[in-house]
Structure formats: structure tokens, C-alpha cells
Amino acid sequence: MLLGAVWSPCAGPSLGAASLLAAQGKDVGEVALALLLFGIGAGLPLVVIGMLSREAAQRLRGRLTRAGRAMRLGLGAVLVVFGTAILTGYDKQAETWLVGISPDWLTRLTTSI
């Protein structure tokens, strides 16, 4: 996603010009070649990044599996705590306390339409 955000301003004019020329039927062969080369140039870094990230993920697989187990346990505990707070009504008390200590601008921002 980050690559797309950085890349869009650079790719937009090139693709726009090529699409316009293609739509007008001018130099269709050159436009096709330009788009083909653009696609190869754009796709090659993505393939390299994908291959490198796959290799890195495979090397880290054991650690990621252990971290996943710990995360599941931790998130399960968080859900139990929040569920208990909702069932006992403590969530409303906590909300009242948080609104009381929050700045006025934040309260206005989050409660206005």
C-alpha cells in the first residue's frame, strides 16, 4: 500500500498520457510497447519484494507461530475482561470517568454530528 501511495503521483501522468493516446488510436503500437514496458518495470519490484518477504516469513515462521499463540491468549483475556465489564455495567462507569478526564475539545469532537 505504501508503494502505491508513493508511486501514484509518478505513474498517473504516464498512464494517463498512454491511455489518452490509445483511446485516440494514435501510435497504438508505441503505446502498447510503452504500457508493456511500464508494466514490466512496475511489476518487477513487486515480485522481488514479494519473494524477499516470503523468504523472511519462512525464516521467522517459528517465532511468528509462538507470537500468534501468545497474541490469541492475550486477546482472549482482553475479551473476557471487556465482556465482564459490560455484563457488570463497569463499562459505563469507565466511560463516564474517561469523559470526565478528557479535554473538552475531544469530547465535542467525538459527540458532535
PDB file of N, CA and C in Angstrom:
ATOM      1  N   MET A   1       0.831  -1.185   0.000  1.00  0.00           N
ATOM      2  CA  MET A   1       0.000   0.000   0.000  1.00  0.00           C
ATOM      3  C   MET A   1       0.873   1.245   0.000  1.00  0.00           C
ATOM      4  N   LEU A   2       1.955   1.196   0.766  1.00  0.00           N
ATOM      5  CA  LEU A   2       2.837   2.348   0.825  1.00  0.00           C
ATOM      6  C   LEU A   2       3.452   2.618  -0.546  1.00  0.00           C
ATOM      7  N   LEU A   3       3.837   1.565  -1.220  1.00  0.00           N
ATOM      8  CA  LEU A   3       4.394   1.732  -2.555  1.00  0.00           C
ATOM      9  C   LEU A   3       3.384   2.393  -3.475  1.00  0.00           C
ATOM     10  N   GLY A   4       2.119   1.989  -3.385  1.00  0.00           N
ATOM     11  CA  GLY A   4       1.084   2.595  -4.213  1.00  0.00           C
ATOM     12  C   GLY A   4       0.891   4.062  -3.911  1.00  0.00           C
ATOM     13  N   ALA A   5       0.946   4.435  -2.642  1.00  0.00           N
ATOM     14  CA  ALA A   5       0.774   5.836  -2.259  1.00  0.00           C
ATOM     15  C   ALA A   5       1.926   6.696  -2.779  1.00  0.00           C
ATOM     16  N   VAL A   6       3.131   6.160  -2.754  1.00  0.00           N
ATOM     17  CA  VAL A   6       4.293   6.905  -3.222  1.00  0.00           C
ATOM     18  C   VAL A   6       4.344   6.914  -4.747  1.00  0.00           C
ATOM     19  N   TRP A   7       3.894   5.859  -5.347  1.00  0.00           N
ATOM     20  CA  TRP A   7       4.037   5.627  -6.766  1.00  0.00           C
ATOM     21  C   TRP A   7       2.976   6.346  -7.589  1.00  0.00           C
ATOM     22  N   SER A   8       1.786   6.513  -7.056  1.00  0.00           N
ATOM     23  CA  SER A   8       0.660   7.056  -7.819  1.00  0.00           C
ATOM     24  C   SER A   8       0.942   8.398  -8.484  1.00  0.00           C
ATOM     25  N   PRO A   9       1.531   9.363  -7.802  1.00  0.00           N
ATOM     26  CA  PRO A   9       1.783  10.639  -8.474  1.00  0.00           C
ATOM     27  C   PRO A   9       2.730  10.518  -9.664  1.00  0.00           C
ATOM     28  N   CYS A  10       3.621   9.547  -9.632  1.00  0.00           N
ATOM     29  CA  CYS A  10       4.566   9.374 -10.734  1.00  0.00           C
ATOM     30  C   CYS A  10       3.951   8.582 -11.882  1.00  0.00           C
ATOM     31  N   ALA A  11       3.164   7.575 -11.560  1.00  0.00           N
ATOM     32  CA  ALA A  11       2.607   6.697 -12.589  1.00  0.00           C
ATOM     33  C   ALA A  11       1.400   7.317 -13.269  1.00  0.00           C
ATOM     34  N   GLY A  12       0.654   8.134 -12.562  1.00  0.00           N
ATOM     35  CA  GLY A  12      -0.586   8.702 -13.105  1.00  0.00           C
ATOM     36  C   GLY A  12      -0.416   9.433 -14.417  1.00  0.00           C
ATOM     37  N   PRO A  13       0.487  10.397 -14.518  1.00  0.00           N
ATOM     38  CA  PRO A  13       0.644  11.117 -15.785  1.00  0.00           C
ATOM     39  C   PRO A  13       1.076  10.223 -16.938  1.00  0.00           C
ATOM     40  N   SER A  14       1.977   9.287 -16.667  1.00  0.00           N
ATOM     41  CA  SER A  14       2.435   8.390 -17.740  1.00  0.00           C
ATOM     42  C   SER A  14       1.300   7.514 -18.240  1.00  0.00           C
ATOM     43  N   LEU A  15       0.571   6.901 -17.302  1.00  0.00           N
ATOM     44  CA  LEU A  15      -0.538   6.040 -17.703  1.00  0.00           C
ATOM     45  C   LEU A  15      -1.661   6.842 -18.329  1.00  0.00           C
ATOM     46  N   GLY A  16      -1.894   8.043 -17.830  1.00  0.00           N
ATOM     47  CA  GLY A  16      -2.939   8.896 -18.402  1.00  0.00           C
ATOM     48  C   GLY A  16      -2.631   9.274 -19.839  1.00  0.00           C
ATOM     49  N   ALA A  17      -1.390   9.662 -20.095  1.00  0.00           N
ATOM     50  CA  ALA A  17      -0.995  10.025 -21.459  1.00  0.00           C
ATOM     51  C   ALA A  17      -1.080   8.822 -22.384  1.00  0.00           C
ATOM     52  N   ALA A  18      -0.608   7.676 -21.939  1.00  0.00           N
ATOM     53  CA  ALA A  18      -0.664   6.473 -22.778  1.00  0.00           C
ATOM     54  C   ALA A  18      -2.108   6.058 -23.031  1.00  0.00           C
ATOM     55  N   SER A  19      -2.953   6.147 -22.013  1.00  0.00           N
ATOM     56  CA  SER A  19      -4.367   5.790 -22.193  1.00  0.00           C
ATOM     57  C   SER A  19      -5.053   6.737 -23.154  1.00  0.00           C
ATOM     58  N   LEU A  20      -4.723   8.027 -23.068  1.00  0.00           N
ATOM     59  CA  LEU A  20      -5.317   9.013 -23.970  1.00  0.00           C
ATOM     60  C   LEU A  20      -4.903   8.745 -25.407  1.00  0.00           C
ATOM     61  N   LEU A  21      -3.630   8.473 -25.628  1.00  0.00           N
ATOM     62  CA  LEU A  21      -3.163   8.165 -26.975  1.00  0.00           C
ATOM     63  C   LEU A  21      -3.805   6.880 -27.500  1.00  0.00           C
ATOM     64  N   ALA A  22      -3.930   5.891 -26.641  1.00  0.00           N
ATOM     65  CA  ALA A  22      -4.554   4.634 -27.053  1.00  0.00           C
ATOM     66  C   ALA A  22      -6.022   4.851 -27.392  1.00  0.00           C
ATOM     67  N   ALA A  23      -6.720   5.671 -26.603  1.00  0.00           N
ATOM     68  CA  ALA A  23      -8.138   5.933 -26.862  1.00  0.00           C
ATOM     69  C   ALA A  23      -8.329   6.689 -28.169  1.00  0.00           C
ATOM     70  N   GLN A  24      -7.377   7.520 -28.533  1.00  0.00           N
ATOM     71  CA  GLN A  24      -7.469   8.280 -29.775  1.00  0.00           C
ATOM     72  C   GLN A  24      -7.021   7.460 -30.976  1.00  0.00           C
ATOM     73  N   GLY A  25      -6.415   6.316 -30.720  1.00  0.00           N
ATOM     74  CA  GLY A  25      -5.963   5.456 -31.803  1.00  0.00           C
ATOM     75  C   GLY A  25      -4.659   5.915 -32.423  1.00  0.00           C
ATOM     76  N   LYS A  26      -3.938   6.788 -31.759  1.00  0.00           N
ATOM     77  CA  LYS A  26      -2.671   7.299 -32.277  1.00  0.00           C
ATOM     78  C   LYS A  26      -1.520   6.446 -31.782  1.00  0.00           C
ATOM     79  N   ASP A  27      -0.651   6.069 -32.671  1.00  0.00           N
ATOM     80  CA  ASP A  27       0.551   5.310 -32.329  1.00  0.00           C
ATOM     81  C   ASP A  27       0.245   4.151 -31.389  1.00  0.00           C
ATOM     82  N   VAL A  28      -0.707   3.321 -31.776  1.00  0.00           N
ATOM     83  CA  VAL A  28      -1.156   2.232 -30.915  1.00  0.00           C
ATOM     84  C   VAL A  28      -0.013   1.267 -30.596  1.00  0.00           C
ATOM     85  N   GLY A  29       0.830   0.988 -31.563  1.00  0.00           N
ATOM     86  CA  GLY A  29       1.960   0.086 -31.333  1.00  0.00           C
ATOM     87  C   GLY A  29       2.923   0.647 -30.301  1.00  0.00           C
ATOM     88  N   GLU A  30       3.233   1.925 -30.420  1.00  0.00           N
ATOM     89  CA  GLU A  30       4.131   2.557 -29.458  1.00  0.00           C
ATOM     90  C   GLU A  30       3.501   2.615 -28.073  1.00  0.00           C
ATOM     91  N   VAL A  31       2.206   2.903 -28.042  1.00  0.00           N
ATOM     92  CA  VAL A  31       1.501   2.952 -26.753  1.00  0.00           C
ATOM     93  C   VAL A  31       1.514   1.578 -26.105  1.00  0.00           C
ATOM     94  N   ALA A  32       1.245   0.536 -26.899  1.00  0.00           N
ATOM     95  CA  ALA A  32       1.243  -0.822 -26.363  1.00  0.00           C
ATOM     96  C   ALA A  32       2.620  -1.196 -25.826  1.00  0.00           C
ATOM     97  N   LEU A  33       3.664  -0.837 -26.571  1.00  0.00           N
ATOM     98  CA  LEU A  33       5.022  -1.129 -26.121  1.00  0.00           C
ATOM     99  C   LEU A  33       5.352  -0.361 -24.844  1.00  0.00           C
ATOM    100  N   ALA A  34       4.957   0.906 -24.793  1.00  0.00           N
ATOM    101  CA  ALA A  34       5.216   1.715 -23.595  1.00  0.00           C
ATOM    102  C   ALA A  34       4.492   1.131 -22.387  1.00  0.00           C
ATOM    103  N   LEU A  35       3.238   0.726 -22.574  1.00  0.00           N
ATOM    104  CA  LEU A  35       2.481   0.141 -21.459  1.00  0.00           C
ATOM    105  C   LEU A  35       3.060  -1.203 -21.032  1.00  0.00           C
ATOM    106  N   LEU A  36       3.519  -1.989 -21.996  1.00  0.00           N
ATOM    107  CA  LEU A  36       4.145  -3.273 -21.674  1.00  0.00           C
ATOM    108  C   LEU A  36       5.416  -3.058 -20.851  1.00  0.00           C
ATOM    109  N   LEU A  37       6.265  -2.146 -21.303  1.00  0.00           N
ATOM    110  CA  LEU A  37       7.500  -1.867 -20.571  1.00  0.00           C
ATOM    111  C   LEU A  37       7.202  -1.263 -19.201  1.00  0.00           C
ATOM    112  N   PHE A  38       6.187  -0.399 -19.136  1.00  0.00           N
ATOM    113  CA  PHE A  38       5.796   0.184 -17.862  1.00  0.00           C
ATOM    114  C   PHE A  38       5.326  -0.917 -16.911  1.00  0.00           C
ATOM    115  N   GLY A  39       4.522  -1.842 -17.420  1.00  0.00           N
ATOM    116  CA  GLY A  39       4.027  -2.945 -16.593  1.00  0.00           C
ATOM    117  C   GLY A  39       5.146  -3.830 -16.083  1.00  0.00           C
ATOM    118  N   ILE A  40       6.105  -4.125 -16.940  1.00  0.00           N
ATOM    119  CA  ILE A  40       7.246  -4.941 -16.510  1.00  0.00           C
ATOM    120  C   ILE A  40       8.054  -4.192 -15.454  1.00  0.00           C
ATOM    121  N   GLY A  41       8.309  -2.912 -15.702  1.00  0.00           N
ATOM    122  CA  GLY A  41       9.075  -2.116 -14.750  1.00  0.00           C
ATOM    123  C   GLY A  41       8.347  -1.944 -13.420  1.00  0.00           C
ATOM    124  N   ALA A  42       7.029  -1.859 -13.472  1.00  0.00           N
ATOM    125  CA  ALA A  42       6.252  -1.700 -12.248  1.00  0.00           C
ATOM    126  C   ALA A  42       6.117  -3.032 -11.508  1.00  0.00           C
ATOM    127  N   GLY A  43       5.969  -4.104 -12.247  1.00  0.00           N
ATOM    128  CA  GLY A  43       5.744  -5.407 -11.635  1.00  0.00           C
ATOM    129  C   GLY A  43       6.996  -6.049 -11.060  1.00  0.00           C
ATOM    130  N   LEU A  44       8.136  -5.803 -11.683  1.00  0.00           N
ATOM    131  CA  LEU A  44       9.376  -6.440 -11.246  1.00  0.00           C
ATOM    132  C   LEU A  44       9.732  -6.119  -9.791  1.00  0.00           C
ATOM    133  N   PRO A  45       9.694  -4.855  -9.361  1.00  0.00           N
ATOM    134  CA  PRO A  45       9.988  -4.601  -7.940  1.00  0.00           C
ATOM    135  C   PRO A  45       8.990  -5.279  -7.005  1.00  0.00           C
ATOM    136  N   LEU A  46       7.741  -5.355  -7.411  1.00  0.00           N
ATOM    137  CA  LEU A  46       6.736  -6.001  -6.573  1.00  0.00           C
ATOM    138  C   LEU A  46       7.010  -7.495  -6.434  1.00  0.00           C
ATOM    139  N   VAL A  47       7.435  -8.129  -7.507  1.00  0.00           N
ATOM    140  CA  VAL A  47       7.776  -9.550  -7.457  1.00  0.00           C
ATOM    141  C   VAL A  47       8.979  -9.765  -6.539  1.00  0.00           C
ATOM    142  N   VAL A  48       9.981  -8.908  -6.656  1.00  0.00           N
ATOM    143  CA  VAL A  48      11.172  -9.028  -5.810  1.00  0.00           C
ATOM    144  C   VAL A  48      10.791  -8.842  -4.341  1.00  0.00           C
ATOM    145  N   ILE A  49       9.998  -7.813  -4.049  1.00  0.00           N
ATOM    146  CA  ILE A  49       9.560  -7.581  -2.669  1.00  0.00           C
ATOM    147  C   ILE A  49       8.769  -8.779  -2.154  1.00  0.00           C
ATOM    148  N   GLY A  50       7.890  -9.317  -2.993  1.00  0.00           N
ATOM    149  CA  GLY A  50       7.107 -10.481  -2.586  1.00  0.00           C
ATOM    150  C   GLY A  50       7.969 -11.687  -2.292  1.00  0.00           C
ATOM    151  N   MET A  51       8.962 -11.944  -3.126  1.00  0.00           N
ATOM    152  CA  MET A  51       9.850 -13.094  -2.900  1.00  0.00           C
ATOM    153  C   MET A  51      10.682 -12.907  -1.628  1.00  0.00           C
ATOM    154  N   LEU A  52      11.198 -11.700  -1.421  1.00  0.00           N
ATOM    155  CA  LEU A  52      12.001 -11.453  -0.225  1.00  0.00           C
ATOM    156  C   LEU A  52      11.160 -11.557   1.037  1.00  0.00           C
ATOM    157  N   SER A  53       9.935 -11.043   0.987  1.00  0.00           N
ATOM    158  CA  SER A  53       9.092 -11.119   2.177  1.00  0.00           C
ATOM    159  C   SER A  53       8.683 -12.560   2.457  1.00  0.00           C
ATOM    160  N   ARG A  54       8.509 -13.366   1.405  1.00  0.00           N
ATOM    161  CA  ARG A  54       8.173 -14.776   1.618  1.00  0.00           C
ATOM    162  C   ARG A  54       9.325 -15.501   2.303  1.00  0.00           C
ATOM    163  N   GLU A  55      10.545 -15.243   1.831  1.00  0.00           N
ATOM    164  CA  GLU A  55      11.706 -15.875   2.449  1.00  0.00           C
ATOM    165  C   GLU A  55      11.856 -15.445   3.901  1.00  0.00           C
ATOM    166  N   ALA A  56      11.652 -14.170   4.169  1.00  0.00           N
ATOM    167  CA  ALA A  56      11.765 -13.671   5.544  1.00  0.00           C
ATOM    168  C   ALA A  56      10.687 -14.296   6.425  1.00  0.00           C
ATOM    169  N   ALA A  57       9.476 -14.421   5.909  1.00  0.00           N
ATOM    170  CA  ALA A  57       8.394 -15.024   6.689  1.00  0.00           C
ATOM    171  C   ALA A  57       8.679 -16.491   6.982  1.00  0.00           C
ATOM    172  N   GLN A  58       9.262 -17.201   6.024  1.00  0.00           N
ATOM    173  CA  GLN A  58       9.591 -18.603   6.252  1.00  0.00           C
ATOM    174  C   GLN A  58      10.675 -18.747   7.322  1.00  0.00           C
ATOM    175  N   ARG A  59      11.632 -17.813   7.330  1.00  0.00           N
ATOM    176  CA  ARG A  59      12.677 -17.863   8.358  1.00  0.00           C
ATOM    177  C   ARG A  59      12.110 -17.552   9.736  1.00  0.00           C
ATOM    178  N   LEU A  60      11.117 -16.702   9.784  1.00  0.00           N
ATOM    179  CA  LEU A  60      10.544 -16.278  11.063  1.00  0.00           C
ATOM    180  C   LEU A  60       9.325 -17.090  11.478  1.00  0.00           C
ATOM    181  N   ARG A  61       9.017 -18.134  10.741  1.00  0.00           N
ATOM    182  CA  ARG A  61       7.775 -18.885  10.962  1.00  0.00           C
ATOM    183  C   ARG A  61       7.605 -19.376  12.391  1.00  0.00           C
ATOM    184  N   GLY A  62       8.639 -19.948  12.968  1.00  0.00           N
ATOM    185  CA  GLY A  62       8.541 -20.471  14.333  1.00  0.00           C
ATOM    186  C   GLY A  62       8.238 -19.378  15.338  1.00  0.00           C
ATOM    187  N   ARG A  63       8.950 -18.265  15.206  1.00  0.00           N
ATOM    188  CA  ARG A  63       8.709 -17.149  16.127  1.00  0.00           C
ATOM    189  C   ARG A  63       7.316 -16.556  15.921  1.00  0.00           C
ATOM    190  N   LEU A  64       6.899 -16.477  14.671  1.00  0.00           N
ATOM    191  CA  LEU A  64       5.562 -15.943  14.395  1.00  0.00           C
ATOM    192  C   LEU A  64       4.479 -16.857  14.958  1.00  0.00           C
ATOM    193  N   THR A  65       4.690 -18.170  14.905  1.00  0.00           N
ATOM    194  CA  THR A  65       3.714 -19.114  15.452  1.00  0.00           C
ATOM    195  C   THR A  65       3.606 -18.952  16.962  1.00  0.00           C
ATOM    196  N   ARG A  66       4.738 -18.852  17.638  1.00  0.00           N
ATOM    197  CA  ARG A  66       4.713 -18.646  19.088  1.00  0.00           C
ATOM    198  C   ARG A  66       4.077 -17.309  19.450  1.00  0.00           C
ATOM    199  N   ALA A  67       4.405 -16.289  18.695  1.00  0.00           N
ATOM    200  CA  ALA A  67       3.818 -14.970  18.956  1.00  0.00           C
ATOM    201  C   ALA A  67       2.312 -15.008  18.708  1.00  0.00           C
ATOM    202  N   GLY A  68       1.886 -15.761  17.694  1.00  0.00           N
ATOM    203  CA  GLY A  68       0.455 -15.886  17.414  1.00  0.00           C
ATOM    204  C   GLY A  68      -0.294 -16.541  18.551  1.00  0.00           C
ATOM    205  N   ARG A  69       0.296 -17.568  19.140  1.00  0.00           N
ATOM    206  CA  ARG A  69      -0.328 -18.225  20.293  1.00  0.00           C
ATOM    207  C   ARG A  69      -0.459 -17.254  21.460  1.00  0.00           C
ATOM    208  N   ALA A  70       0.605 -16.527  21.730  1.00  0.00           N
ATOM    209  CA  ALA A  70       0.580 -15.558  22.827  1.00  0.00           C
ATOM    210  C   ALA A  70      -0.448 -14.463  22.557  1.00  0.00           C
ATOM    211  N   MET A  71      -0.520 -14.013  21.322  1.00  0.00           N
ATOM    212  CA  MET A  71      -1.494 -12.973  20.968  1.00  0.00           C
ATOM    213  C   MET A  71      -2.921 -13.483  21.151  1.00  0.00           C
ATOM    214  N   ARG A  72      -3.183 -14.719  20.757  1.00  0.00           N
ATOM    215  CA  ARG A  72      -4.526 -15.282  20.935  1.00  0.00           C
ATOM    216  C   ARG A  72      -4.901 -15.330  22.407  1.00  0.00           C
ATOM    217  N   LEU A  73      -3.975 -15.773  23.239  1.00  0.00           N
ATOM    218  CA  LEU A  73      -4.237 -15.815  24.678  1.00  0.00           C
ATOM    219  C   LEU A  73      -4.465 -14.418  25.239  1.00  0.00           C
ATOM    220  N   GLY A  74      -3.624 -13.488  24.833  1.00  0.00           N
ATOM    221  CA  GLY A  74      -3.763 -12.117  25.312  1.00  0.00           C
ATOM    222  C   GLY A  74      -5.070 -11.476  24.859  1.00  0.00           C
ATOM    223  N   LEU A  75      -5.419 -11.653  23.591  1.00  0.00           N
ATOM    224  CA  LEU A  75      -6.671 -11.087  23.093  1.00  0.00           C
ATOM    225  C   LEU A  75      -7.879 -11.766  23.723  1.00  0.00           C
ATOM    226  N   GLY A  76      -7.760 -13.051  23.994  1.00  0.00           N
ATOM    227  CA  GLY A  76      -8.844 -13.747  24.688  1.00  0.00           C
ATOM    228  C   GLY A  76      -9.054 -13.173  26.081  1.00  0.00           C
ATOM    229  N   ALA A  77      -7.955 -12.894  26.779  1.00  0.00           N
ATOM    230  CA  ALA A  77      -8.058 -12.297  28.114  1.00  0.00           C
ATOM    231  C   ALA A  77      -8.689 -10.910  28.040  1.00  0.00           C
ATOM    232  N   VAL A  78      -8.308 -10.138  27.040  1.00  0.00           N
ATOM    233  CA  VAL A  78      -8.896  -8.802  26.863  1.00  0.00           C
ATOM    234  C   VAL A  78     -10.398  -8.911  26.624  1.00  0.00           C
ATOM    235  N   LEU A  79     -10.811  -9.861  25.790  1.00  0.00           N
ATOM    236  CA  LEU A  79     -12.244 -10.045  25.531  1.00  0.00           C
ATOM    237  C   LEU A  79     -12.994 -10.452  26.786  1.00  0.00           C
ATOM    238  N   VAL A  80     -12.401 -11.319  27.601  1.00  0.00           N
ATOM    239  CA  VAL A  80     -13.045 -11.723  28.856  1.00  0.00           C
ATOM    240  C   VAL A  80     -13.193 -10.522  29.790  1.00  0.00           C
ATOM    241  N   VAL A  81     -12.144  -9.698  29.882  1.00  0.00           N
ATOM    242  CA  VAL A  81     -12.202  -8.518  30.745  1.00  0.00           C
ATOM    243  C   VAL A  81     -13.275  -7.547  30.254  1.00  0.00           C
ATOM    244  N   PHE A  82     -13.302  -7.266  28.966  1.00  0.00           N
ATOM    245  CA  PHE A  82     -14.302  -6.342  28.436  1.00  0.00           C
ATOM    246  C   PHE A  82     -15.713  -6.914  28.543  1.00  0.00           C
ATOM    247  N   GLY A  83     -15.859  -8.203  28.297  1.00  0.00           N
ATOM    248  CA  GLY A  83     -17.173  -8.831  28.441  1.00  0.00           C
ATOM    249  C   GLY A  83     -17.678  -8.760  29.863  1.00  0.00           C
ATOM    250  N   THR A  84     -16.791  -9.013  30.816  1.00  0.00           N
ATOM    251  CA  THR A  84     -17.163  -8.916  32.228  1.00  0.00           C
ATOM    252  C   THR A  84     -17.536  -7.479  32.589  1.00  0.00           C
ATOM    253  N   ALA A  85     -16.785  -6.522  32.074  1.00  0.00           N
ATOM    254  CA  ALA A  85     -17.085  -5.112  32.348  1.00  0.00           C
ATOM    255  C   ALA A  85     -18.455  -4.736  31.791  1.00  0.00           C
ATOM    256  N   ILE A  86     -18.795  -5.225  30.620  1.00  0.00           N
ATOM    257  CA  ILE A  86     -20.098  -4.923  30.030  1.00  0.00           C
ATOM    258  C   ILE A  86     -21.215  -5.571  30.831  1.00  0.00           C
ATOM    259  N   LEU A  87     -21.016  -6.831  31.215  1.00  0.00           N
ATOM    260  CA  LEU A  87     -22.052  -7.525  31.980  1.00  0.00           C
ATOM    261  C   LEU A  87     -22.295  -6.905  33.355  1.00  0.00           C
ATOM    262  N   THR A  88     -21.248  -6.380  33.970  1.00  0.00           N
ATOM    263  CA  THR A  88     -21.397  -5.799  35.303  1.00  0.00           C
ATOM    264  C   THR A  88     -21.743  -4.313  35.268  1.00  0.00           C
ATOM    265  N   GLY A  89     -21.708  -3.700  34.101  1.00  0.00           N
ATOM    266  CA  GLY A  89     -22.012  -2.280  33.987  1.00  0.00           C
ATOM    267  C   GLY A  89     -20.827  -1.380  34.271  1.00  0.00           C
ATOM    268  N   TYR A  90     -19.670  -1.985  34.518  1.00  0.00           N
ATOM    269  CA  TYR A  90     -18.487  -1.191  34.808  1.00  0.00           C
ATOM    270  C   TYR A  90     -18.044  -0.383  33.586  1.00  0.00           C
ATOM    271  N   ASP A  91     -18.396  -0.833  32.379  1.00  0.00           N
ATOM    272  CA  ASP A  91     -18.006  -0.107  31.174  1.00  0.00           C
ATOM    273  C   ASP A  91     -18.576   1.301  31.164  1.00  0.00           C
ATOM    274  N   LYS A  92     -19.807   1.466  31.673  1.00  0.00           N
ATOM    275  CA  LYS A  92     -20.427   2.795  31.728  1.00  0.00           C
ATOM    276  C   LYS A  92     -19.710   3.686  32.734  1.00  0.00           C
ATOM    277  N   GLN A  93     -19.286   3.100  33.854  1.00  0.00           N
ATOM    278  CA  GLN A  93     -18.539   3.870  34.852  1.00  0.00           C
ATOM    279  C   GLN A  93     -17.185   4.312  34.279  1.00  0.00           C
ATOM    280  N   ALA A  94     -16.546   3.402  33.571  1.00  0.00           N
ATOM    281  CA  ALA A  94     -15.255   3.724  32.959  1.00  0.00           C
ATOM    282  C   ALA A  94     -15.431   4.803  31.892  1.00  0.00           C
ATOM    283  N   GLU A  95     -16.519   4.706  31.111  1.00  0.00           N
ATOM    284  CA  GLU A  95     -16.784   5.711  30.086  1.00  0.00           C
ATOM    285  C   GLU A  95     -17.008   7.086  30.719  1.00  0.00           C
ATOM    286  N   THR A  96     -17.782   7.124  31.793  1.00  0.00           N
ATOM    287  CA  THR A  96     -18.037   8.387  32.498  1.00  0.00           C
ATOM    288  C   THR A  96     -16.738   8.977  33.028  1.00  0.00           C
ATOM    289  N   TRP A  97     -15.888   8.146  33.599  1.00  0.00           N
ATOM    290  CA  TRP A  97     -14.607   8.603  34.117  1.00  0.00           C
ATOM    291  C   TRP A  97     -13.727   9.150  32.991  1.00  0.00           C
ATOM    292  N   LEU A  98     -13.656   8.422  31.856  1.00  0.00           N
ATOM    293  CA  LEU A  98     -12.825   8.851  30.738  1.00  0.00           C
ATOM    294  C   LEU A  98     -13.318  10.167  30.143  1.00  0.00           C
ATOM    295  N   VAL A  99     -14.644  10.338  30.023  1.00  0.00           N
ATOM    296  CA  VAL A  99     -15.188  11.600  29.510  1.00  0.00           C
ATOM    297  C   VAL A  99     -14.849  12.731  30.474  1.00  0.00           C
ATOM    298  N   GLY A 100     -14.884  12.453  31.762  1.00  0.00           N
ATOM    299  CA  GLY A 100     -14.567  13.470  32.762  1.00  0.00           C
ATOM    300  C   GLY A 100     -13.135  13.958  32.713  1.00  0.00           C
ATOM    301  N   ILE A 101     -12.203  13.077  32.360  1.00  0.00           N
ATOM    302  CA  ILE A 101     -10.791  13.481  32.340  1.00  0.00           C
ATOM    303  C   ILE A 101     -10.323  13.906  30.954  1.00  0.00           C
ATOM    304  N   SER A 102     -11.150  13.695  29.921  1.00  0.00           N
ATOM    305  CA  SER A 102     -10.727  14.066  28.574  1.00  0.00           C
ATOM    306  C   SER A 102     -10.886  15.567  28.361  1.00  0.00           C
ATOM    307  N   PRO A 103     -10.081  16.150  27.479  1.00  0.00           N
ATOM    308  CA  PRO A 103     -10.206  17.576  27.198  1.00  0.00           C
ATOM    309  C   PRO A 103     -11.558  17.883  26.529  1.00  0.00           C
ATOM    310  N   ASP A 104     -12.053  19.096  26.742  1.00  0.00           N
ATOM    311  CA  ASP A 104     -13.355  19.485  26.191  1.00  0.00           C
ATOM    312  C   ASP A 104     -13.400  19.374  24.676  1.00  0.00           C
ATOM    313  N   TRP A 105     -12.298  19.745  23.994  1.00  0.00           N
ATOM    314  CA  TRP A 105     -12.298  19.701  22.534  1.00  0.00           C
ATOM    315  C   TRP A 105     -12.472  18.267  22.031  1.00  0.00           C
ATOM    316  N   LEU A 106     -11.907  17.309  22.752  1.00  0.00           N
ATOM    317  CA  LEU A 106     -12.038  15.908  22.338  1.00  0.00           C
ATOM    318  C   LEU A 106     -13.463  15.412  22.550  1.00  0.00           C
ATOM    319  N   THR A 107     -14.065  15.801  23.669  1.00  0.00           N
ATOM    320  CA  THR A 107     -15.451  15.409  23.940  1.00  0.00           C
ATOM    321  C   THR A 107     -16.381  15.998  22.885  1.00  0.00           C
ATOM    322  N   ARG A 108     -16.174  17.282  22.541  1.00  0.00           N
ATOM    323  CA  ARG A 108     -17.004  17.902  21.493  1.00  0.00           C
ATOM    324  C   ARG A 108     -16.807  17.202  20.149  1.00  0.00           C
ATOM    325  N   LEU A 109     -15.552  16.878  19.837  1.00  0.00           N
ATOM    326  CA  LEU A 109     -15.242  16.241  18.567  1.00  0.00           C
ATOM    327  C   LEU A 109     -15.906  14.875  18.432  1.00  0.00           C
ATOM    328  N   THR A 110     -15.921  14.109  19.510  1.00  0.00           N
ATOM    329  CA  THR A 110     -16.433  12.743  19.442  1.00  0.00           C
ATOM    330  C   THR A 110     -17.928  12.644  19.674  1.00  0.00           C
ATOM    331  N   THR A 111     -18.562  13.711  20.146  1.00  0.00           N
ATOM    332  CA  THR A 111     -20.006  13.644  20.405  1.00  0.00           C
ATOM    333  C   THR A 111     -20.817  14.498  19.453  1.00  0.00           C
ATOM    334  N   SER A 112     -20.156  15.297  18.618  1.00  0.00           N
ATOM    335  CA  SER A 112     -20.919  16.131  17.674  1.00  0.00           C
ATOM    336  C   SER A 112     -21.184  15.358  16.391  1.00  0.00           C
ATOM    337  N   ILE A 113     -22.183  15.815  15.663  1.00  0.00           N
ATOM    338  CA  ILE A 113     -22.545  15.127  14.413  1.00  0.00           C
ATOM    339  C   ILE A 113     -21.799  15.690  13.253  1.00  0.00           C
TER     340      ILE A 113
END
